[in-house]
Amino acid sequence: MIGRLFRNGRQSRLNTDEDGSALVELGLSLPMLCLMLLGAAEFARIAYAAIEVTNAAHSAAVYAGSSAASAADTTGITNAANSDSPNLTGSNAISVVTPLTYTCTCSNTNYTPTSCSDNSTCLSHNAAMITTVTVKTQTTFSPMVTVPGFSPTVTLQGKSSEIVSNN
């Protein structure tokens, strides 16, 4: 029986002329797998930066809605946005898109005030005035790998609204 399994010092039963085929398949598929891994890592970096930009917009809106801030305090609003996104620095730092948007509505949506300083429309209809500030942020993201024919940078934008007052 052992003589039938081994002929000329080789295993005749297991020799099917496919020696090294797994190595060839690995050599053909490994570059594709590496490219997919690199693409997944780059997608994760872009998604993380997009989340950072949106969170920075929220922090800037909270600061802009605080009683200590005003619409002219763009430095403080930008600092609040950048302090919430410490991983985006240098040329990737967050910038606040100006101007900030303040909108006013009555709690009874059937009535609209003429301006944010006109609270009489809301008061005459037994409604409170709701003032909301909207902040937009953006950053320029540079991918690790650039693809020919595509832009070498991506602009990511975030937007957040915060209720300033409910008079």
N, C-alpha and C. Protein backbone atom coordinates (compact mmCIF):
# COMPACT_ATOMS: atom_id res chain seq x y z
N MET A 1 0.82 -1.18 0.00
CA MET A 1 0.00 0.00 0.00
C MET A 1 0.87 1.26 0.00
N ILE A 2 1.92 1.27 0.80
CA ILE A 2 2.80 2.43 0.82
C ILE A 2 3.46 2.60 -0.53
N GLY A 3 3.74 1.50 -1.20
CA GLY A 3 4.34 1.56 -2.52
C GLY A 3 3.43 2.22 -3.54
N ARG A 4 2.13 2.09 -3.38
CA ARG A 4 1.20 2.72 -4.31
C ARG A 4 1.07 4.22 -4.08
N LEU A 5 1.19 4.66 -2.84
CA LEU A 5 1.09 6.09 -2.55
C LEU A 5 2.34 6.84 -3.01
N PHE A 6 3.47 6.20 -2.88
CA PHE A 6 4.72 6.88 -3.23
C PHE A 6 5.36 6.20 -4.44
N ARG A 7 5.46 6.89 -5.53
CA ARG A 7 6.16 6.40 -6.70
C ARG A 7 7.27 7.38 -7.01
N ASN A 8 8.43 6.90 -7.16
CA ASN A 8 9.61 7.71 -7.45
C ASN A 8 9.85 8.77 -6.37
N GLY A 9 9.50 8.49 -5.14
CA GLY A 9 9.73 9.40 -4.03
C GLY A 9 8.73 10.55 -3.96
N ARG A 10 7.67 10.52 -4.75
CA ARG A 10 6.66 11.60 -4.73
C ARG A 10 5.30 11.01 -4.42
N GLN A 11 4.44 11.82 -3.92
CA GLN A 11 3.08 11.35 -3.64
C GLN A 11 2.27 11.44 -4.92
N SER A 12 2.00 10.32 -5.54
CA SER A 12 1.29 10.35 -6.81
C SER A 12 -0.19 10.67 -6.64
N ARG A 13 -0.74 10.27 -5.52
CA ARG A 13 -2.17 10.52 -5.30
C ARG A 13 -2.46 12.00 -5.05
N LEU A 14 -1.53 12.71 -4.42
CA LEU A 14 -1.76 14.12 -4.09
C LEU A 14 -1.21 15.05 -5.16
N ASN A 15 -0.45 14.56 -6.09
CA ASN A 15 0.13 15.39 -7.13
C ASN A 15 -0.87 15.55 -8.27
N THR A 16 -1.45 16.76 -8.40
CA THR A 16 -2.45 16.98 -9.45
C THR A 16 -2.05 18.12 -10.37
N ASP A 17 -0.77 18.38 -10.49
CA ASP A 17 -0.24 19.44 -11.37
C ASP A 17 -0.77 20.82 -11.01
N GLU A 18 -1.05 21.06 -9.74
CA GLU A 18 -1.51 22.38 -9.30
C GLU A 18 -0.57 22.96 -8.25
N ASP A 19 0.65 22.49 -8.25
CA ASP A 19 1.61 23.01 -7.30
C ASP A 19 1.84 24.50 -7.57
N GLY A 20 1.71 25.33 -6.54
CA GLY A 20 1.97 26.76 -6.66
C GLY A 20 0.78 27.58 -7.14
N SER A 21 -0.36 26.95 -7.42
CA SER A 21 -1.51 27.72 -7.91
C SER A 21 -2.05 28.66 -6.84
N ALA A 22 -1.98 28.25 -5.58
CA ALA A 22 -2.44 29.13 -4.50
C ALA A 22 -1.56 30.38 -4.40
N LEU A 23 -0.27 30.20 -4.64
CA LEU A 23 0.65 31.34 -4.61
C LEU A 23 0.36 32.30 -5.76
N VAL A 24 0.04 31.78 -6.91
CA VAL A 24 -0.31 32.62 -8.06
C VAL A 24 -1.61 33.37 -7.79
N GLU A 25 -2.60 32.68 -7.23
CA GLU A 25 -3.87 33.34 -6.90
C GLU A 25 -3.67 34.43 -5.86
N LEU A 26 -2.82 34.18 -4.87
CA LEU A 26 -2.52 35.19 -3.86
C LEU A 26 -1.83 36.39 -4.51
N GLY A 27 -0.91 36.12 -5.41
CA GLY A 27 -0.21 37.21 -6.09
C GLY A 27 -1.13 38.06 -6.94
N LEU A 28 -2.16 37.45 -7.50
CA LEU A 28 -3.12 38.21 -8.32
C LEU A 28 -4.14 38.96 -7.48
N SER A 29 -4.54 38.39 -6.35
CA SER A 29 -5.59 39.01 -5.55
C SER A 29 -5.07 39.97 -4.48
N LEU A 30 -3.82 39.85 -4.06
CA LEU A 30 -3.29 40.69 -3.00
C LEU A 30 -3.30 42.19 -3.37
N PRO A 31 -2.92 42.59 -4.57
CA PRO A 31 -3.01 44.02 -4.88
C PRO A 31 -4.44 44.56 -4.81
N MET A 32 -5.41 43.75 -5.23
CA MET A 32 -6.79 44.19 -5.17
C MET A 32 -7.25 44.31 -3.71
N LEU A 33 -6.85 43.37 -2.87
CA LEU A 33 -7.21 43.45 -1.45
C LEU A 33 -6.57 44.65 -0.78
N CYS A 34 -5.32 44.93 -1.12
CA CYS A 34 -4.64 46.11 -0.56
C CYS A 34 -5.33 47.40 -1.00
N LEU A 35 -5.75 47.45 -2.25
CA LEU A 35 -6.45 48.63 -2.76
C LEU A 35 -7.78 48.82 -2.05
N MET A 36 -8.49 47.73 -1.79
CA MET A 36 -9.75 47.82 -1.06
C MET A 36 -9.51 48.29 0.38
N LEU A 37 -8.46 47.81 1.01
CA LEU A 37 -8.14 48.22 2.37
C LEU A 37 -7.78 49.70 2.42
N LEU A 38 -6.99 50.16 1.45
CA LEU A 38 -6.64 51.57 1.38
C LEU A 38 -7.88 52.44 1.15
N GLY A 39 -8.78 51.98 0.29
CA GLY A 39 -10.02 52.72 0.04
C GLY A 39 -10.90 52.80 1.27
N ALA A 40 -10.98 51.71 2.02
CA ALA A 40 -11.78 51.71 3.25
C ALA A 40 -11.18 52.66 4.29
N ALA A 41 -9.86 52.67 4.40
CA ALA A 41 -9.20 53.57 5.35
C ALA A 41 -9.42 55.03 4.94
N GLU A 42 -9.34 55.32 3.66
CA GLU A 42 -9.55 56.70 3.19
C GLU A 42 -10.99 57.13 3.40
N PHE A 43 -11.94 56.24 3.15
CA PHE A 43 -13.35 56.54 3.40
C PHE A 43 -13.58 56.82 4.88
N ALA A 44 -12.95 56.05 5.75
CA ALA A 44 -13.10 56.27 7.20
C ALA A 44 -12.53 57.62 7.61
N ARG A 45 -11.39 58.01 7.02
CA ARG A 45 -10.80 59.32 7.35
C ARG A 45 -11.73 60.45 6.92
N ILE A 46 -12.33 60.35 5.74
CA ILE A 46 -13.25 61.39 5.26
C ILE A 46 -14.50 61.44 6.13
N ALA A 47 -15.03 60.28 6.49
CA ALA A 47 -16.22 60.24 7.35
C ALA A 47 -15.92 60.86 8.71
N TYR A 48 -14.75 60.57 9.28
CA TYR A 48 -14.38 61.14 10.56
C TYR A 48 -14.25 62.67 10.46
N ALA A 49 -13.62 63.15 9.41
CA ALA A 49 -13.47 64.60 9.23
C ALA A 49 -14.84 65.26 9.05
N ALA A 50 -15.75 64.61 8.34
CA ALA A 50 -17.10 65.17 8.15
C ALA A 50 -17.83 65.26 9.49
N ILE A 51 -17.66 64.26 10.33
CA ILE A 51 -18.28 64.29 11.67
C ILE A 51 -17.67 65.42 12.49
N GLU A 52 -16.36 65.59 12.41
CA GLU A 52 -15.68 66.67 13.14
C GLU A 52 -16.21 68.04 12.71
N VAL A 53 -16.42 68.24 11.41
CA VAL A 53 -16.90 69.53 10.90
C VAL A 53 -18.32 69.79 11.40
N THR A 54 -19.16 68.76 11.42
CA THR A 54 -20.53 68.94 11.90
C THR A 54 -20.55 69.21 13.40
N ASN A 55 -19.73 68.50 14.16
CA ASN A 55 -19.65 68.75 15.61
C ASN A 55 -19.12 70.15 15.89
N ALA A 56 -18.17 70.62 15.09
CA ALA A 56 -17.64 71.97 15.26
C ALA A 56 -18.73 73.00 14.99
N ALA A 57 -19.57 72.75 14.00
CA ALA A 57 -20.68 73.67 13.73
C ALA A 57 -21.64 73.72 14.91
N HIS A 58 -21.88 72.57 15.53
CA HIS A 58 -22.76 72.55 16.69
C HIS A 58 -22.17 73.35 17.85
N SER A 59 -20.87 73.16 18.11
CA SER A 59 -20.22 73.91 19.19
C SER A 59 -20.24 75.41 18.91
N ALA A 60 -20.01 75.77 17.66
CA ALA A 60 -20.04 77.20 17.30
C ALA A 60 -21.44 77.77 17.46
N ALA A 61 -22.46 76.99 17.12
CA ALA A 61 -23.84 77.46 17.28
C ALA A 61 -24.22 77.61 18.74
N VAL A 62 -23.75 76.69 19.58
CA VAL A 62 -24.02 76.80 21.02
C VAL A 62 -23.35 78.06 21.57
N TYR A 63 -22.10 78.31 21.14
CA TYR A 63 -21.40 79.51 21.60
C TYR A 63 -22.10 80.76 21.07
N ALA A 64 -22.50 80.74 19.80
CA ALA A 64 -23.17 81.92 19.22
C ALA A 64 -24.51 82.17 19.90
N GLY A 65 -25.14 81.13 20.39
CA GLY A 65 -26.42 81.28 21.07
C GLY A 65 -26.31 81.65 22.53
N SER A 66 -25.10 81.61 23.08
CA SER A 66 -24.94 81.94 24.49
C SER A 66 -25.07 83.45 24.69
N SER A 67 -25.36 83.83 25.91
CA SER A 67 -25.55 85.25 26.21
C SER A 67 -24.25 86.03 26.12
N ALA A 68 -23.09 85.33 26.21
CA ALA A 68 -21.80 86.01 26.16
C ALA A 68 -21.38 86.37 24.74
N ALA A 69 -22.03 85.77 23.74
CA ALA A 69 -21.61 85.98 22.35
C ALA A 69 -22.56 86.92 21.64
N SER A 70 -22.05 87.49 20.57
CA SER A 70 -22.87 88.29 19.67
C SER A 70 -22.52 87.89 18.25
N ALA A 71 -23.28 88.36 17.29
CA ALA A 71 -23.03 88.01 15.89
C ALA A 71 -21.69 88.55 15.42
N ALA A 72 -21.20 89.62 16.05
CA ALA A 72 -19.92 90.21 15.65
C ALA A 72 -18.72 89.47 16.25
N ASP A 73 -18.97 88.56 17.17
CA ASP A 73 -17.88 87.84 17.83
C ASP A 73 -17.45 86.63 16.99
N THR A 74 -17.00 86.88 15.78
CA THR A 74 -16.61 85.77 14.89
C THR A 74 -15.36 85.05 15.39
N THR A 75 -14.49 85.77 16.08
CA THR A 75 -13.28 85.14 16.61
C THR A 75 -13.64 84.11 17.67
N GLY A 76 -14.51 84.46 18.59
CA GLY A 76 -14.94 83.52 19.63
C GLY A 76 -15.69 82.34 19.05
N ILE A 77 -16.52 82.60 18.04
CA ILE A 77 -17.29 81.52 17.41
C ILE A 77 -16.34 80.56 16.68
N THR A 78 -15.35 81.11 15.98
CA THR A 78 -14.37 80.28 15.28
C THR A 78 -13.53 79.50 16.27
N ASN A 79 -13.14 80.12 17.38
CA ASN A 79 -12.37 79.42 18.42
C ASN A 79 -13.18 78.27 19.03
N ALA A 80 -14.49 78.49 19.22
CA ALA A 80 -15.34 77.42 19.75
C ALA A 80 -15.41 76.25 18.77
N ALA A 81 -15.47 76.56 17.49
CA ALA A 81 -15.51 75.49 16.47
C ALA A 81 -14.19 74.73 16.43
N ASN A 82 -13.08 75.45 16.46
CA ASN A 82 -11.77 74.79 16.39
C ASN A 82 -11.43 74.01 17.65
N SER A 83 -11.91 74.48 18.81
CA SER A 83 -11.63 73.75 20.04
C SER A 83 -12.39 72.43 20.09
N ASP A 84 -13.47 72.32 19.35
CA ASP A 84 -14.23 71.07 19.32
C ASP A 84 -13.67 70.09 18.29
N SER A 85 -12.76 70.55 17.45
CA SER A 85 -12.18 69.66 16.43
C SER A 85 -10.66 69.74 16.49
N PRO A 86 -10.05 69.23 17.56
CA PRO A 86 -8.60 69.37 17.72
C PRO A 86 -7.80 68.57 16.71
N ASN A 87 -8.40 67.57 16.07
CA ASN A 87 -7.65 66.76 15.11
C ASN A 87 -7.57 67.40 13.73
N LEU A 88 -8.34 68.44 13.49
CA LEU A 88 -8.28 69.15 12.22
C LEU A 88 -7.53 70.46 12.47
N THR A 89 -6.25 70.46 12.17
CA THR A 89 -5.41 71.62 12.44
C THR A 89 -4.68 72.04 11.18
N GLY A 90 -3.96 73.12 11.27
CA GLY A 90 -3.15 73.59 10.14
C GLY A 90 -4.02 74.02 8.99
N SER A 91 -3.71 73.51 7.80
CA SER A 91 -4.50 73.87 6.62
C SER A 91 -5.87 73.22 6.64
N ASN A 92 -6.06 72.22 7.51
CA ASN A 92 -7.36 71.56 7.63
C ASN A 92 -8.21 72.13 8.75
N ALA A 93 -7.81 73.27 9.31
CA ALA A 93 -8.56 73.85 10.43
C ALA A 93 -9.96 74.27 9.97
N ILE A 94 -10.84 74.30 10.94
CA ILE A 94 -12.23 74.66 10.69
C ILE A 94 -12.34 76.17 10.49
N SER A 95 -13.12 76.58 9.51
CA SER A 95 -13.44 77.99 9.34
C SER A 95 -14.96 78.13 9.39
N VAL A 96 -15.40 79.25 9.97
CA VAL A 96 -16.82 79.53 10.09
C VAL A 96 -17.22 80.37 8.89
N VAL A 97 -18.23 79.91 8.17
CA VAL A 97 -18.72 80.63 7.00
C VAL A 97 -19.59 81.77 7.51
N THR A 98 -19.24 82.98 7.13
CA THR A 98 -20.03 84.15 7.57
C THR A 98 -20.95 84.58 6.46
N PRO A 99 -22.01 85.21 6.74
CA PRO A 99 -22.50 85.64 8.04
C PRO A 99 -23.32 84.55 8.73
N LEU A 100 -23.44 84.70 10.04
CA LEU A 100 -24.33 83.83 10.80
C LEU A 100 -25.76 84.20 10.44
N THR A 101 -26.66 83.24 10.51
CA THR A 101 -28.05 83.50 10.15
C THR A 101 -28.90 83.46 11.41
N TYR A 102 -29.61 84.55 11.67
CA TYR A 102 -30.56 84.61 12.77
C TYR A 102 -31.96 84.63 12.17
N THR A 103 -32.81 83.72 12.61
CA THR A 103 -34.20 83.69 12.15
C THR A 103 -35.12 83.77 13.36
N CYS A 104 -36.26 84.42 13.15
CA CYS A 104 -37.24 84.58 14.22
C CYS A 104 -38.60 84.09 13.75
N THR A 105 -39.26 83.35 14.60
CA THR A 105 -40.60 82.86 14.33
C THR A 105 -41.41 82.98 15.60
N CYS A 106 -42.71 82.93 15.45
CA CYS A 106 -43.58 82.88 16.61
C CYS A 106 -43.85 81.42 16.93
N SER A 107 -44.12 81.14 18.21
CA SER A 107 -44.42 79.76 18.59
C SER A 107 -45.72 79.30 17.93
N ASN A 108 -46.61 80.22 17.65
CA ASN A 108 -47.80 79.94 16.84
C ASN A 108 -47.40 80.21 15.39
N THR A 109 -47.23 79.16 14.61
CA THR A 109 -46.67 79.31 13.26
C THR A 109 -47.59 80.03 12.28
N ASN A 110 -48.81 80.38 12.71
CA ASN A 110 -49.70 81.14 11.83
C ASN A 110 -49.27 82.60 11.72
N TYR A 111 -48.41 83.05 12.61
CA TYR A 111 -47.98 84.45 12.63
C TYR A 111 -46.47 84.53 12.48
N THR A 112 -46.02 85.56 11.77
CA THR A 112 -44.59 85.74 11.53
C THR A 112 -44.21 87.17 11.89
N PRO A 113 -43.19 87.37 12.73
CA PRO A 113 -42.77 88.73 13.05
C PRO A 113 -42.07 89.38 11.85
N THR A 114 -42.15 90.71 11.80
CA THR A 114 -41.51 91.41 10.69
C THR A 114 -39.99 91.42 10.82
N SER A 115 -39.48 91.38 12.05
CA SER A 115 -38.04 91.32 12.29
C SER A 115 -37.81 90.68 13.65
N CYS A 116 -36.54 90.40 13.94
CA CYS A 116 -36.22 89.78 15.23
C CYS A 116 -36.38 90.77 16.39
N SER A 117 -36.39 92.04 16.11
CA SER A 117 -36.58 93.04 17.17
C SER A 117 -38.05 93.37 17.38
N ASP A 118 -38.93 92.83 16.53
CA ASP A 118 -40.37 93.08 16.63
C ASP A 118 -41.04 91.91 17.32
N ASN A 119 -41.19 92.02 18.61
CA ASN A 119 -41.83 90.96 19.38
C ASN A 119 -43.32 91.22 19.53
N SER A 120 -43.81 92.38 19.06
CA SER A 120 -45.22 92.73 19.25
C SER A 120 -46.16 91.81 18.47
N THR A 121 -45.74 91.34 17.31
CA THR A 121 -46.60 90.45 16.52
C THR A 121 -46.88 89.17 17.29
N CYS A 122 -45.85 88.60 17.86
CA CYS A 122 -46.02 87.35 18.62
C CYS A 122 -46.81 87.60 19.90
N LEU A 123 -46.49 88.68 20.61
CA LEU A 123 -47.18 88.97 21.87
C LEU A 123 -48.66 89.27 21.66
N SER A 124 -49.01 89.93 20.58
CA SER A 124 -50.41 90.27 20.34
C SER A 124 -51.25 89.02 20.04
N HIS A 125 -50.61 87.93 19.70
CA HIS A 125 -51.34 86.68 19.43
C HIS A 125 -51.05 85.62 20.49
N ASN A 126 -50.63 86.09 21.68
CA ASN A 126 -50.34 85.20 22.81
C ASN A 126 -49.36 84.09 22.42
N ALA A 127 -48.32 84.48 21.73
CA ALA A 127 -47.30 83.52 21.31
C ALA A 127 -45.93 84.07 21.69
N ALA A 128 -44.99 83.17 21.87
CA ALA A 128 -43.62 83.57 22.19
C ALA A 128 -42.81 83.65 20.91
N MET A 129 -41.79 84.54 20.92
CA MET A 129 -40.89 84.62 19.78
C MET A 129 -39.73 83.65 19.99
N ILE A 130 -39.44 82.90 18.96
CA ILE A 130 -38.34 81.93 19.01
C ILE A 130 -37.25 82.42 18.05
N THR A 131 -36.07 82.71 18.61
CA THR A 131 -34.93 83.16 17.80
C THR A 131 -33.94 82.02 17.67
N THR A 132 -33.53 81.75 16.44
CA THR A 132 -32.62 80.65 16.15
C THR A 132 -31.41 81.17 15.39
N VAL A 133 -30.21 80.70 15.78
CA VAL A 133 -28.98 81.05 15.07
C VAL A 133 -28.51 79.81 14.31
N THR A 134 -28.05 80.02 13.09
CA THR A 134 -27.52 78.93 12.26
C THR A 134 -26.08 79.24 11.91
N VAL A 135 -25.21 78.28 12.16
CA VAL A 135 -23.78 78.44 11.89
C VAL A 135 -23.36 77.39 10.87
N LYS A 136 -22.58 77.81 9.88
CA LYS A 136 -22.03 76.89 8.88
C LYS A 136 -20.52 76.87 9.02
N THR A 137 -19.94 75.68 8.99
CA THR A 137 -18.49 75.53 9.07
C THR A 137 -18.01 74.76 7.85
N GLN A 138 -16.72 74.90 7.58
CA GLN A 138 -16.14 74.13 6.49
C GLN A 138 -14.66 73.91 6.72
N THR A 139 -14.12 72.91 6.05
CA THR A 139 -12.69 72.62 6.08
C THR A 139 -12.31 72.00 4.75
N THR A 140 -11.04 72.07 4.44
CA THR A 140 -10.51 71.44 3.24
C THR A 140 -9.78 70.17 3.65
N PHE A 141 -10.20 69.05 3.10
CA PHE A 141 -9.63 67.75 3.45
C PHE A 141 -8.74 67.28 2.31
N SER A 142 -7.54 66.84 2.64
CA SER A 142 -6.60 66.32 1.64
C SER A 142 -6.45 64.82 1.83
N PRO A 143 -6.90 64.02 0.87
CA PRO A 143 -6.76 62.57 0.99
C PRO A 143 -5.31 62.13 0.93
N MET A 144 -5.01 60.94 1.46
CA MET A 144 -3.66 60.40 1.41
C MET A 144 -3.25 60.05 -0.01
N VAL A 145 -4.21 59.56 -0.79
CA VAL A 145 -3.95 59.14 -2.16
C VAL A 145 -4.83 59.96 -3.09
N THR A 146 -4.22 60.54 -4.11
CA THR A 146 -5.01 61.28 -5.09
C THR A 146 -5.17 60.42 -6.34
N VAL A 147 -6.35 60.46 -6.90
CA VAL A 147 -6.67 59.71 -8.11
C VAL A 147 -6.60 60.67 -9.27
N PRO A 148 -5.89 60.32 -10.33
CA PRO A 148 -5.80 61.21 -11.50
C PRO A 148 -7.20 61.50 -12.05
N GLY A 149 -7.43 62.76 -12.38
CA GLY A 149 -8.72 63.17 -12.90
C GLY A 149 -9.68 63.68 -11.84
N PHE A 150 -9.32 63.51 -10.57
CA PHE A 150 -10.16 63.99 -9.47
C PHE A 150 -9.42 65.09 -8.72
N SER A 151 -10.18 65.92 -8.02
CA SER A 151 -9.60 67.02 -7.26
C SER A 151 -8.72 66.47 -6.12
N PRO A 152 -7.56 67.09 -5.87
CA PRO A 152 -6.69 66.60 -4.79
C PRO A 152 -7.19 66.98 -3.40
N THR A 153 -8.22 67.82 -3.31
CA THR A 153 -8.79 68.19 -2.01
C THR A 153 -10.31 68.08 -2.08
N VAL A 154 -10.91 67.94 -0.89
CA VAL A 154 -12.36 67.85 -0.77
C VAL A 154 -12.78 68.88 0.27
N THR A 155 -13.79 69.67 -0.04
CA THR A 155 -14.32 70.64 0.92
C THR A 155 -15.49 70.00 1.67
N LEU A 156 -15.35 69.93 2.98
CA LEU A 156 -16.39 69.36 3.84
C LEU A 156 -17.10 70.50 4.56
N GLN A 157 -18.42 70.42 4.63
CA GLN A 157 -19.20 71.49 5.26
C GLN A 157 -20.10 70.92 6.35
N GLY A 158 -20.30 71.72 7.39
CA GLY A 158 -21.19 71.36 8.47
C GLY A 158 -22.15 72.50 8.75
N LYS A 159 -23.30 72.18 9.30
CA LYS A 159 -24.30 73.21 9.58
C LYS A 159 -25.06 72.80 10.85
N SER A 160 -25.32 73.78 11.70
CA SER A 160 -26.05 73.51 12.93
C SER A 160 -26.87 74.73 13.32
N SER A 161 -28.03 74.48 13.89
CA SER A 161 -28.90 75.56 14.37
C SER A 161 -29.12 75.38 15.86
N GLU A 162 -29.23 76.49 16.53
CA GLU A 162 -29.42 76.49 17.98
C GLU A 162 -30.44 77.57 18.34
N ILE A 163 -31.37 77.24 19.23
CA ILE A 163 -32.34 78.23 19.68
C ILE A 163 -31.66 79.17 20.66
N VAL A 164 -31.70 80.46 20.33
CA VAL A 164 -31.05 81.48 21.15
C VAL A 164 -31.98 81.89 22.28
N SER A 165 -33.21 82.21 21.95
CA SER A 165 -34.13 82.65 22.98
C SER A 165 -35.54 82.23 22.63
N ASN A 166 -36.32 82.11 23.64
CA ASN A 166 -37.72 81.78 23.51
C ASN A 166 -38.48 82.74 24.41
N ASN A 167 -38.70 83.95 23.91
CA ASN A 167 -39.34 85.02 24.72
C ASN A 167 -40.83 84.85 24.76
